[in-house]
Amino acid sequence: WPVKVETSAMGNAVYGVRSSVAKLNRVAVRAPLIGDSGQGILDQYEAAHWQTPDLALLASQHAAFVDTLRSLGSEVVEFAAVEGQPDGVFVYDPVFIGPSGSIKLTCAKAARRGEAAQLIADLESAGVPTIGELVGEATADAGDMFWLDESTVAIGRSYRTNEAAVDQLRGILASDGVGVEVFDVPHDLGPEYCLHLMSVISPISESLAVVYEKLAPVSMLRSLSRRGIEWVNVDDEEYITLGTNILAVAPGVVVMGERNKRTADALRDKGVEVHTFASSESDKGEGGPTCMTRPISRG
């Protein structure tokens, strides 16, 4: 693990990530956009392709989610909601953080184009340096990225993450000694529908993941098998309710939406400690607990 001299108020490393499952020491979240809860705010959510959320319930569910993270030992850095950015609550996507700091991404979705600059500024205020950014025609969402192991990042080539971004990310990550494995994300419902690589997988521990096999790239499943990583298959019904969107807060300790009871039971059968939260409103934006967190320090 990278050695960080600077520590936060809780004694955690200020930044540094090489895993999707190591202990979540420090994590950023952004409050959902509520404003005056009037029609203008709801119009912004509609323009960002949300099903109409109950804004008061969205705020209370998000607050309960943050409380759950804190109860499990994570230091949570809370950023304010930003006018005009209803998807800003999904802080995983605009920035990817590695061992040495943040990489500023460029989202392909027009409604999200301003999020990266705001998140980078907020992360810098929290002590996280920026080590690179995408330029030119490159577009990427971090929802297409997760750690296969401490020296390898999986990147999904998708409608959101293009070849130019893969090439640039490969170079930026190489400066930290991190390699890349690329997997092609299927067409499924097309470019207007958000299908990320992490729509079909969430790592649970070094040896376990959850996967929606029907849309999983075969090359990714083979890569998991080579590493000795087994997986729990999510069924069709719970895939729709984001059963594959699960946040590991430590190896084998997870937070997930309370509606996905069969997936939760299957994980418990594997010895996983499962914590759930009410997610009905964030689900309406096609984002779960992984989407609502930007890990800053793990390990």
C-alpha atoms as a PDB file:
ATOM      1  CA  TRP A   1       0.000   0.000   0.000  1.00  0.00           C
ATOM      2  CA  PRO A   2       1.229   3.549  -0.646  1.00  0.00           C
ATOM      3  CA  VAL A   3       2.575   5.289   2.428  1.00  0.00           C
ATOM      4  CA  LYS A   4       0.865   8.614   3.067  1.00  0.00           C
ATOM      5  CA  VAL A   5       2.484  10.929   5.600  1.00  0.00           C
ATOM      6  CA  GLU A   6      -0.564  13.152   5.877  1.00  0.00           C
ATOM      7  CA  THR A   7      -3.501  11.757   7.808  1.00  0.00           C
ATOM      8  CA  SER A   8      -7.046  12.967   8.345  1.00  0.00           C
ATOM      9  CA  ALA A   9      -8.617  14.003  11.617  1.00  0.00           C
ATOM     10  CA  MET A  10      -9.589  10.375  12.232  1.00  0.00           C
ATOM     11  CA  GLY A  11      -6.035   9.189  11.593  1.00  0.00           C
ATOM     12  CA  ASN A  12      -6.772   7.677   8.178  1.00  0.00           C
ATOM     13  CA  ALA A  13      -4.609   8.194   5.124  1.00  0.00           C
ATOM     14  CA  VAL A  14      -5.898  11.296   3.369  1.00  0.00           C
ATOM     15  CA  TYR A  15      -5.952   9.461   0.037  1.00  0.00           C
ATOM     16  CA  GLY A  16      -4.799   6.330  -1.763  1.00  0.00           C
ATOM     17  CA  VAL A  17      -6.790   3.499  -3.354  1.00  0.00           C
ATOM     18  CA  ARG A  18      -5.587   0.180  -4.815  1.00  0.00           C
ATOM     19  CA  SER A  19      -8.620  -1.997  -4.186  1.00  0.00           C
ATOM     20  CA  SER A  20     -12.392  -2.118  -4.533  1.00  0.00           C
ATOM     21  CA  VAL A  21     -12.792  -4.198  -1.370  1.00  0.00           C
ATOM     22  CA  ALA A  22     -10.122  -3.151   1.165  1.00  0.00           C
ATOM     23  CA  LYS A  23     -11.321  -1.316   4.271  1.00  0.00           C
ATOM     24  CA  LEU A  24     -13.086   1.878   3.253  1.00  0.00           C
ATOM     25  CA  ASN A  25     -11.242   4.307   5.504  1.00  0.00           C
ATOM     26  CA  ARG A  26     -12.289   7.577   3.892  1.00  0.00           C
ATOM     27  CA  VAL A  27     -15.040   8.208   1.358  1.00  0.00           C
ATOM     28  CA  ALA A  28     -16.713  11.199  -0.292  1.00  0.00           C
ATOM     29  CA  VAL A  29     -20.449  11.605  -0.819  1.00  0.00           C
ATOM     30  CA  ARG A  30     -22.532  14.442  -2.263  1.00  0.00           C
ATOM     31  CA  ALA A  31     -25.933  15.405  -0.916  1.00  0.00           C
ATOM     32  CA  PRO A  32     -28.804  14.976  -3.372  1.00  0.00           C
ATOM     33  CA  LEU A  33     -30.116  18.080  -5.112  1.00  0.00           C
ATOM     34  CA  ILE A  34     -33.253  19.130  -3.241  1.00  0.00           C
ATOM     35  CA  GLY A  35     -33.398  22.943  -3.425  1.00  0.00           C
ATOM     36  CA  ASP A  36     -36.882  24.174  -2.622  1.00  0.00           C
ATOM     37  CA  SER A  37     -38.296  20.782  -3.707  1.00  0.00           C
ATOM     38  CA  GLY A  38     -40.327  22.578  -6.358  1.00  0.00           C
ATOM     39  CA  GLN A  39     -41.151  21.593  -9.915  1.00  0.00           C
ATOM     40  CA  GLY A  40     -37.987  23.216 -11.232  1.00  0.00           C
ATOM     41  CA  ILE A  41     -35.862  20.733  -9.309  1.00  0.00           C
ATOM     42  CA  LEU A  42     -37.991  17.821 -10.481  1.00  0.00           C
ATOM     43  CA  ASP A  43     -37.589  19.051 -14.066  1.00  0.00           C
ATOM     44  CA  GLN A  44     -33.826  18.781 -13.640  1.00  0.00           C
ATOM     45  CA  TYR A  45     -34.163  15.179 -12.504  1.00  0.00           C
ATOM     46  CA  GLU A  46     -36.457  14.420 -15.444  1.00  0.00           C
ATOM     47  CA  ALA A  47     -33.961  15.958 -17.878  1.00  0.00           C
ATOM     48  CA  ALA A  48     -31.284  13.670 -16.401  1.00  0.00           C
ATOM     49  CA  HIS A  49     -33.552  10.644 -17.121  1.00  0.00           C
ATOM     50  CA  TRP A  50     -34.557   9.889 -13.541  1.00  0.00           C
ATOM     51  CA  GLN A  51     -37.931   8.440 -12.727  1.00  0.00           C
ATOM     52  CA  THR A  52     -39.597  11.173 -10.647  1.00  0.00           C
ATOM     53  CA  PRO A  53     -38.122  10.935  -7.128  1.00  0.00           C
ATOM     54  CA  ASP A  54     -39.748  11.886  -3.857  1.00  0.00           C
ATOM     55  CA  LEU A  55     -37.173  14.548  -2.940  1.00  0.00           C
ATOM     56  CA  ALA A  56     -37.769  14.512   0.822  1.00  0.00           C
ATOM     57  CA  LEU A  57     -37.506  10.745   0.871  1.00  0.00           C
ATOM     58  CA  LEU A  58     -34.400  10.838  -1.321  1.00  0.00           C
ATOM     59  CA  ALA A  59     -32.745  13.187   1.184  1.00  0.00           C
ATOM     60  CA  SER A  60     -33.684  11.090   4.211  1.00  0.00           C
ATOM     61  CA  GLN A  61     -32.618   7.814   2.575  1.00  0.00           C
ATOM     62  CA  HIS A  62     -29.287   9.348   1.575  1.00  0.00           C
ATOM     63  CA  ALA A  63     -28.730  10.607   5.127  1.00  0.00           C
ATOM     64  CA  ALA A  64     -29.477   7.132   6.492  1.00  0.00           C
ATOM     65  CA  PHE A  65     -27.018   5.638   3.993  1.00  0.00           C
ATOM     66  CA  VAL A  66     -24.303   8.046   5.188  1.00  0.00           C
ATOM     67  CA  ASP A  67     -25.079   7.117   8.807  1.00  0.00           C
ATOM     68  CA  THR A  68     -24.643   3.450   7.890  1.00  0.00           C
ATOM     69  CA  LEU A  69     -21.214   4.127   6.394  1.00  0.00           C
ATOM     70  CA  ARG A  70     -20.130   5.972   9.521  1.00  0.00           C
ATOM     71  CA  SER A  71     -21.472   3.213  11.770  1.00  0.00           C
ATOM     72  CA  LEU A  72     -19.258   0.763   9.875  1.00  0.00           C
ATOM     73  CA  GLY A  73     -16.133   2.817  10.537  1.00  0.00           C
ATOM     74  CA  SER A  74     -15.766   4.934   7.402  1.00  0.00           C
ATOM     75  CA  GLU A  75     -14.812   8.591   7.622  1.00  0.00           C
ATOM     76  CA  VAL A  76     -17.358  10.301   5.374  1.00  0.00           C
ATOM     77  CA  VAL A  77     -16.501  13.598   3.669  1.00  0.00           C
ATOM     78  CA  GLU A  78     -19.770  15.285   2.702  1.00  0.00           C
ATOM     79  CA  PHE A  79     -19.964  17.662  -0.261  1.00  0.00           C
ATOM     80  CA  ALA A  80     -22.896  19.977  -0.903  1.00  0.00           C
ATOM     81  CA  ALA A  81     -25.428  19.458  -3.680  1.00  0.00           C
ATOM     82  CA  VAL A  82     -24.840  21.510  -6.821  1.00  0.00           C
ATOM     83  CA  GLU A  83     -27.604  23.323  -8.695  1.00  0.00           C
ATOM     84  CA  GLY A  84     -28.110  21.856 -12.152  1.00  0.00           C
ATOM     85  CA  GLN A  85     -26.407  18.559 -11.279  1.00  0.00           C
ATOM     86  CA  PRO A  86     -29.067  16.051 -10.166  1.00  0.00           C
ATOM     87  CA  ASP A  87     -26.722  13.161 -11.042  1.00  0.00           C
ATOM     88  CA  GLY A  88     -24.060  14.736  -8.815  1.00  0.00           C
ATOM     89  CA  VAL A  89     -25.198  12.488  -5.956  1.00  0.00           C
ATOM     90  CA  PHE A  90     -23.512   9.664  -7.910  1.00  0.00           C
ATOM     91  CA  VAL A  91     -19.957  10.755  -7.060  1.00  0.00           C
ATOM     92  CA  TYR A  92     -18.296   7.527  -8.188  1.00  0.00           C
ATOM     93  CA  ASP A  93     -18.449   8.377 -11.904  1.00  0.00           C
ATOM     94  CA  PRO A  94     -16.766  11.751 -12.632  1.00  0.00           C
ATOM     95  CA  VAL A  95     -13.397  10.950 -10.990  1.00  0.00           C
ATOM     96  CA  PHE A  96     -11.290   7.846 -10.443  1.00  0.00           C
ATOM     97  CA  ILE A  97      -8.853   7.766  -7.510  1.00  0.00           C
ATOM     98  CA  GLY A  98      -5.737   5.609  -7.520  1.00  0.00           C
ATOM     99  CA  PRO A  99      -2.692   5.374  -5.262  1.00  0.00           C
ATOM    100  CA  SER A 100      -1.415   8.897  -5.968  1.00  0.00           C
ATOM    101  CA  GLY A 101      -4.603  10.899  -6.340  1.00  0.00           C
ATOM    102  CA  SER A 102      -7.520  11.785  -8.596  1.00  0.00           C
ATOM    103  CA  ILE A 103      -7.964  11.377 -12.340  1.00  0.00           C
ATOM    104  CA  LYS A 104     -10.466  13.831 -13.797  1.00  0.00           C
ATOM    105  CA  LEU A 105     -12.776  12.110 -16.270  1.00  0.00           C
ATOM    106  CA  THR A 106     -15.087  13.491 -18.959  1.00  0.00           C
ATOM    107  CA  CYS A 107     -18.609  12.087 -18.855  1.00  0.00           C
ATOM    108  CA  ALA A 108     -20.286  11.247 -22.167  1.00  0.00           C
ATOM    109  CA  LYS A 109     -23.739  12.086 -20.770  1.00  0.00           C
ATOM    110  CA  ALA A 110     -24.351  15.769 -21.517  1.00  0.00           C
ATOM    111  CA  ALA A 111     -26.195  16.345 -18.228  1.00  0.00           C
ATOM    112  CA  ARG A 112     -23.061  15.290 -16.306  1.00  0.00           C
ATOM    113  CA  ARG A 113     -20.417  17.333 -18.129  1.00  0.00           C
ATOM    114  CA  GLY A 114     -19.915  19.869 -15.301  1.00  0.00           C
ATOM    115  CA  GLU A 115     -19.593  17.354 -12.499  1.00  0.00           C
ATOM    116  CA  ALA A 116     -15.921  16.435 -12.827  1.00  0.00           C
ATOM    117  CA  ALA A 117     -14.581  19.974 -12.362  1.00  0.00           C
ATOM    118  CA  GLN A 118     -16.732  20.490  -9.260  1.00  0.00           C
ATOM    119  CA  LEU A 119     -15.778  17.134  -7.758  1.00  0.00           C
ATOM    120  CA  ILE A 120     -12.072  17.669  -8.444  1.00  0.00           C
ATOM    121  CA  ALA A 121     -12.230  21.036  -6.667  1.00  0.00           C
ATOM    122  CA  ASP A 122     -14.034  19.489  -3.700  1.00  0.00           C
ATOM    123  CA  LEU A 123     -11.568  16.599  -3.491  1.00  0.00           C
ATOM    124  CA  GLU A 124      -8.618  18.978  -3.615  1.00  0.00           C
ATOM    125  CA  SER A 125     -10.177  20.896  -0.725  1.00  0.00           C
ATOM    126  CA  ALA A 126     -10.245  17.550   1.123  1.00  0.00           C
ATOM    127  CA  GLY A 127      -6.522  17.058   0.502  1.00  0.00           C
ATOM    128  CA  VAL A 128      -6.622  14.814  -2.559  1.00  0.00           C
ATOM    129  CA  PRO A 129      -4.265  15.907  -5.375  1.00  0.00           C
ATOM    130  CA  THR A 130      -5.163  15.619  -9.063  1.00  0.00           C
ATOM    131  CA  ILE A 131      -2.662  13.517 -11.014  1.00  0.00           C
ATOM    132  CA  GLY A 132      -4.207  13.492 -14.498  1.00  0.00           C
ATOM    133  CA  GLU A 133      -7.218  14.189 -16.667  1.00  0.00           C
ATOM    134  CA  LEU A 134      -8.781  13.046 -19.899  1.00  0.00           C
ATOM    135  CA  VAL A 135      -8.344  15.326 -22.887  1.00  0.00           C
ATOM    136  CA  GLY A 136      -9.596  15.624 -26.457  1.00  0.00           C
ATOM    137  CA  GLU A 137     -12.317  13.216 -27.521  1.00  0.00           C
ATOM    138  CA  ALA A 138     -11.829  10.852 -24.579  1.00  0.00           C
ATOM    139  CA  THR A 139     -14.919  10.133 -22.458  1.00  0.00           C
ATOM    140  CA  ALA A 140     -15.211   7.829 -19.471  1.00  0.00           C
ATOM    141  CA  ASP A 141     -17.331   7.115 -16.413  1.00  0.00           C
ATOM    142  CA  ALA A 142     -15.680   5.492 -13.424  1.00  0.00           C
ATOM    143  CA  GLY A 143     -18.694   3.179 -13.351  1.00  0.00           C
ATOM    144  CA  ASP A 144     -16.776   1.344 -16.071  1.00  0.00           C
ATOM    145  CA  MET A 145     -13.770   0.908 -13.735  1.00  0.00           C
ATOM    146  CA  PHE A 146     -12.975  -1.277 -10.739  1.00  0.00           C
ATOM    147  CA  TRP A 147      -9.914  -2.934  -9.201  1.00  0.00           C
ATOM    148  CA  LEU A 148      -9.312  -6.562 -10.187  1.00  0.00           C
ATOM    149  CA  ASP A 149      -6.319  -6.653  -7.823  1.00  0.00           C
ATOM    150  CA  GLU A 150      -3.985  -4.079  -6.293  1.00  0.00           C
ATOM    151  CA  SER A 151      -2.038  -3.634  -9.516  1.00  0.00           C
ATOM    152  CA  THR A 152      -4.814  -4.031 -12.120  1.00  0.00           C
ATOM    153  CA  VAL A 153      -7.829  -1.888 -12.980  1.00  0.00           C
ATOM    154  CA  ALA A 154     -10.633  -3.354 -15.084  1.00  0.00           C
ATOM    155  CA  ILE A 155     -12.001  -0.888 -17.647  1.00  0.00           C
ATOM    156  CA  GLY A 156     -15.194  -1.464 -19.592  1.00  0.00           C
ATOM    157  CA  ARG A 157     -15.199  -0.154 -23.138  1.00  0.00           C
ATOM    158  CA  SER A 158     -18.774   1.079 -23.513  1.00  0.00           C
ATOM    159  CA  TYR A 159     -21.018   3.827 -24.828  1.00  0.00           C
ATOM    160  CA  ARG A 160     -19.775   5.910 -21.873  1.00  0.00           C
ATOM    161  CA  THR A 161     -16.061   4.963 -21.982  1.00  0.00           C
ATOM    162  CA  ASN A 162     -14.360   5.079 -25.362  1.00  0.00           C
ATOM    163  CA  GLU A 163     -11.084   3.800 -26.782  1.00  0.00           C
ATOM    164  CA  ALA A 164      -9.361   7.179 -26.451  1.00  0.00           C
ATOM    165  CA  ALA A 165     -10.123   7.204 -22.732  1.00  0.00           C
ATOM    166  CA  VAL A 166      -8.827   3.660 -22.296  1.00  0.00           C
ATOM    167  CA  ASP A 167      -5.526   4.638 -23.928  1.00  0.00           C
ATOM    168  CA  GLN A 168      -5.146   7.758 -21.785  1.00  0.00           C
ATOM    169  CA  LEU A 169      -6.090   5.977 -18.563  1.00  0.00           C
ATOM    170  CA  ARG A 170      -3.610   3.234 -19.325  1.00  0.00           C
ATOM    171  CA  GLY A 171      -0.846   5.829 -19.461  1.00  0.00           C
ATOM    172  CA  ILE A 172      -1.927   7.720 -16.335  1.00  0.00           C
ATOM    173  CA  LEU A 173      -2.296   4.565 -14.244  1.00  0.00           C
ATOM    174  CA  ALA A 174       1.047   3.205 -15.442  1.00  0.00           C
ATOM    175  CA  SER A 175       2.776   6.009 -13.524  1.00  0.00           C
ATOM    176  CA  ASP A 176       1.612   4.231 -10.345  1.00  0.00           C
ATOM    177  CA  GLY A 177       2.636   0.805 -11.613  1.00  0.00           C
ATOM    178  CA  VAL A 178      -0.998  -0.088 -12.311  1.00  0.00           C
ATOM    179  CA  GLY A 179      -1.984  -2.096 -15.384  1.00  0.00           C
ATOM    180  CA  VAL A 180      -5.292  -2.271 -17.208  1.00  0.00           C
ATOM    181  CA  GLU A 181      -7.533  -5.080 -18.459  1.00  0.00           C
ATOM    182  CA  VAL A 182     -10.195  -4.029 -20.942  1.00  0.00           C
ATOM    183  CA  PHE A 183     -13.585  -5.710 -21.321  1.00  0.00           C
ATOM    184  CA  ASP A 184     -16.212  -4.832 -23.905  1.00  0.00           C
ATOM    185  CA  VAL A 185     -19.601  -3.905 -22.429  1.00  0.00           C
ATOM    186  CA  PRO A 186     -22.555  -5.236 -24.487  1.00  0.00           C
ATOM    187  CA  HIS A 187     -24.986  -3.051 -26.401  1.00  0.00           C
ATOM    188  CA  ASP A 188     -28.005  -4.205 -24.355  1.00  0.00           C
ATOM    189  CA  LEU A 189     -30.600  -1.380 -24.646  1.00  0.00           C
ATOM    190  CA  GLY A 190     -28.330   1.003 -26.534  1.00  0.00           C
ATOM    191  CA  PRO A 191     -26.461   4.272 -26.022  1.00  0.00           C
ATOM    192  CA  GLU A 192     -29.292   6.138 -24.266  1.00  0.00           C
ATOM    193  CA  TYR A 193     -29.403   3.525 -21.500  1.00  0.00           C
ATOM    194  CA  CYS A 194     -26.721   3.587 -18.820  1.00  0.00           C
ATOM    195  CA  LEU A 195     -24.948   0.233 -18.864  1.00  0.00           C
ATOM    196  CA  HIS A 196     -21.593   0.411 -17.099  1.00  0.00           C
ATOM    197  CA  LEU A 197     -19.222  -2.477 -16.528  1.00  0.00           C
ATOM    198  CA  MET A 198     -20.131  -2.137 -12.837  1.00  0.00           C
ATOM    199  CA  SER A 199     -23.793  -2.507 -13.749  1.00  0.00           C
ATOM    200  CA  VAL A 200     -23.038  -6.227 -14.021  1.00  0.00           C
ATOM    201  CA  ILE A 201     -20.431  -6.763 -11.265  1.00  0.00           C
ATOM    202  CA  SER A 202     -19.536  -5.645  -7.761  1.00  0.00           C
ATOM    203  CA  PRO A 203     -16.442  -7.009  -5.975  1.00  0.00           C
ATOM    204  CA  ILE A 204     -17.225  -8.289  -2.470  1.00  0.00           C
ATOM    205  CA  SER A 205     -13.845  -9.574  -1.279  1.00  0.00           C
ATOM    206  CA  GLU A 206     -10.552 -10.658  -2.809  1.00  0.00           C
ATOM    207  CA  SER A 207     -12.183 -13.996  -3.696  1.00  0.00           C
ATOM    208  CA  LEU A 208     -15.873 -13.157  -4.216  1.00  0.00           C
ATOM    209  CA  ALA A 209     -18.033 -10.922  -6.421  1.00  0.00           C
ATOM    210  CA  VAL A 210     -21.647 -10.581  -7.459  1.00  0.00           C
ATOM    211  CA  VAL A 211     -22.309 -10.801 -11.201  1.00  0.00           C
ATOM    212  CA  TYR A 212     -25.236 -10.578 -13.578  1.00  0.00           C
ATOM    213  CA  GLU A 213     -24.068 -13.326 -15.905  1.00  0.00           C
ATOM    214  CA  LYS A 214     -26.440 -12.574 -18.789  1.00  0.00           C
ATOM    215  CA  LEU A 215     -24.666  -9.291 -19.591  1.00  0.00           C
ATOM    216  CA  ALA A 216     -21.222 -10.038 -18.175  1.00  0.00           C
ATOM    217  CA  PRO A 217     -18.339  -9.977 -20.687  1.00  0.00           C
ATOM    218  CA  VAL A 218     -17.012 -13.519 -21.079  1.00  0.00           C
ATOM    219  CA  SER A 219     -13.444 -12.198 -20.965  1.00  0.00           C
ATOM    220  CA  MET A 220     -14.177 -10.640 -17.566  1.00  0.00           C
ATOM    221  CA  LEU A 221     -15.573 -13.890 -16.180  1.00  0.00           C
ATOM    222  CA  ARG A 222     -12.472 -15.692 -17.412  1.00  0.00           C
ATOM    223  CA  SER A 223     -10.284 -13.080 -15.739  1.00  0.00           C
ATOM    224  CA  LEU A 224     -12.139 -13.570 -12.446  1.00  0.00           C
ATOM    225  CA  SER A 225     -11.695 -17.333 -12.725  1.00  0.00           C
ATOM    226  CA  ARG A 226      -7.969 -17.003 -13.387  1.00  0.00           C
ATOM    227  CA  ARG A 227      -7.677 -15.027 -10.158  1.00  0.00           C
ATOM    228  CA  GLY A 228      -9.662 -17.593  -8.175  1.00  0.00           C
ATOM    229  CA  ILE A 229     -12.577 -15.197  -7.718  1.00  0.00           C
ATOM    230  CA  GLU A 230     -15.950 -16.924  -7.526  1.00  0.00           C
ATOM    231  CA  TRP A 231     -19.227 -15.097  -7.905  1.00  0.00           C
ATOM    232  CA  VAL A 232     -22.861 -15.053  -6.845  1.00  0.00           C
ATOM    233  CA  ASN A 233     -25.169 -14.718  -9.840  1.00  0.00           C
ATOM    234  CA  VAL A 234     -27.888 -12.066  -9.510  1.00  0.00           C
ATOM    235  CA  ASP A 235     -31.269 -13.060 -10.952  1.00  0.00           C
ATOM    236  CA  ASP A 236     -33.216 -11.059 -13.537  1.00  0.00           C
ATOM    237  CA  GLU A 237     -35.642  -9.468 -11.081  1.00  0.00           C
ATOM    238  CA  GLU A 238     -32.985  -8.257  -8.652  1.00  0.00           C
ATOM    239  CA  TYR A 239     -30.754  -7.069 -11.479  1.00  0.00           C
ATOM    240  CA  ILE A 240     -33.540  -4.593 -12.300  1.00  0.00           C
ATOM    241  CA  THR A 241     -33.519  -3.360  -8.679  1.00  0.00           C
ATOM    242  CA  LEU A 242     -29.717  -2.912  -8.766  1.00  0.00           C
ATOM    243  CA  GLY A 243     -28.836  -6.156  -7.026  1.00  0.00           C
ATOM    244  CA  THR A 244     -25.409  -6.015  -8.640  1.00  0.00           C
ATOM    245  CA  ASN A 245     -24.707  -2.566  -7.158  1.00  0.00           C
ATOM    246  CA  ILE A 246     -23.112  -3.398  -3.811  1.00  0.00           C
ATOM    247  CA  LEU A 247     -20.508  -1.462  -1.838  1.00  0.00           C
ATOM    248  CA  ALA A 248     -17.775  -3.336   0.002  1.00  0.00           C
ATOM    249  CA  VAL A 249     -16.726  -1.380   3.111  1.00  0.00           C
ATOM    250  CA  ALA A 250     -14.225  -4.102   4.032  1.00  0.00           C
ATOM    251  CA  PRO A 251     -13.492  -7.549   2.596  1.00  0.00           C
ATOM    252  CA  GLY A 252     -16.717  -9.496   3.017  1.00  0.00           C
ATOM    253  CA  VAL A 253     -18.615  -6.589   4.634  1.00  0.00           C
ATOM    254  CA  VAL A 254     -21.088  -4.857   2.334  1.00  0.00           C
ATOM    255  CA  VAL A 255     -23.864  -2.278   2.084  1.00  0.00           C
ATOM    256  CA  MET A 256     -26.679  -2.860  -0.415  1.00  0.00           C
ATOM    257  CA  GLY A 257     -30.275  -1.911  -1.191  1.00  0.00           C
ATOM    258  CA  GLU A 258     -32.795  -3.588   1.094  1.00  0.00           C
ATOM    259  CA  ARG A 259     -35.033  -4.784  -1.764  1.00  0.00           C
ATOM    260  CA  ASN A 260     -32.521  -7.346  -3.029  1.00  0.00           C
ATOM    261  CA  LYS A 261     -33.239 -10.004  -0.455  1.00  0.00           C
ATOM    262  CA  ARG A 262     -32.279 -13.086  -2.504  1.00  0.00           C
ATOM    263  CA  THR A 263     -28.888 -11.661  -3.363  1.00  0.00           C
ATOM    264  CA  ALA A 264     -28.360 -10.668   0.270  1.00  0.00           C
ATOM    265  CA  ASP A 265     -29.239 -14.186   1.433  1.00  0.00           C
ATOM    266  CA  ALA A 266     -26.878 -15.734  -1.126  1.00  0.00           C
ATOM    267  CA  LEU A 267     -24.075 -13.502   0.141  1.00  0.00           C
ATOM    268  CA  ARG A 268     -24.808 -14.375   3.763  1.00  0.00           C
ATOM    269  CA  ASP A 269     -24.578 -18.038   2.770  1.00  0.00           C
ATOM    270  CA  LYS A 270     -21.022 -17.231   1.637  1.00  0.00           C
ATOM    271  CA  GLY A 271     -20.211 -15.724   5.040  1.00  0.00           C
ATOM    272  CA  VAL A 272     -20.624 -12.086   3.987  1.00  0.00           C
ATOM    273  CA  GLU A 273     -21.753  -9.519   6.557  1.00  0.00           C
ATOM    274  CA  VAL A 274     -24.616  -7.672   4.856  1.00  0.00           C
ATOM    275  CA  HIS A 275     -25.992  -4.256   5.814  1.00  0.00           C
ATOM    276  CA  THR A 276     -28.981  -2.832   3.928  1.00  0.00           C
ATOM    277  CA  PHE A 277     -30.558   0.582   3.447  1.00  0.00           C
ATOM    278  CA  ALA A 278     -33.745   1.922   1.852  1.00  0.00           C
ATOM    279  CA  SER A 279     -32.789   2.789  -1.733  1.00  0.00           C
ATOM    280  CA  SER A 280     -36.075   3.250  -3.573  1.00  0.00           C
ATOM    281  CA  GLU A 281     -35.375   6.884  -4.534  1.00  0.00           C
ATOM    282  CA  SER A 282     -31.724   6.648  -5.575  1.00  0.00           C
ATOM    283  CA  ASP A 283     -32.688   3.575  -7.603  1.00  0.00           C
ATOM    284  CA  LYS A 284     -34.842   5.894  -9.707  1.00  0.00           C
ATOM    285  CA  GLY A 285     -31.644   7.441 -11.056  1.00  0.00           C
ATOM    286  CA  GLU A 286     -30.166   3.986 -11.799  1.00  0.00           C
ATOM    287  CA  GLY A 287     -27.571   4.391  -9.051  1.00  0.00           C
ATOM    288  CA  GLY A 288     -26.857   2.305  -5.969  1.00  0.00           C
ATOM    289  CA  PRO A 289     -24.464   2.485  -3.005  1.00  0.00           C
ATOM    290  CA  THR A 290     -21.331   2.146  -5.134  1.00  0.00           C
ATOM    291  CA  CYS A 291     -22.478   5.018  -7.358  1.00  0.00           C
ATOM    292  CA  MET A 292     -23.148   7.239  -4.330  1.00  0.00           C
ATOM    293  CA  THR A 293     -19.603   6.934  -2.971  1.00  0.00           C
ATOM    294  CA  ARG A 294     -16.185   8.040  -4.155  1.00  0.00           C
ATOM    295  CA  PRO A 295     -13.610   6.034  -2.170  1.00  0.00           C
ATOM    296  CA  ILE A 296     -10.726   8.304  -1.182  1.00  0.00           C
ATOM    297  CA  SER A 297      -8.668   5.968   0.998  1.00  0.00           C
ATOM    298  CA  ARG A 298      -8.820   2.188   1.272  1.00  0.00           C
ATOM    299  CA  GLY A 299      -6.526  -0.257   2.989  1.00  0.00           C
END
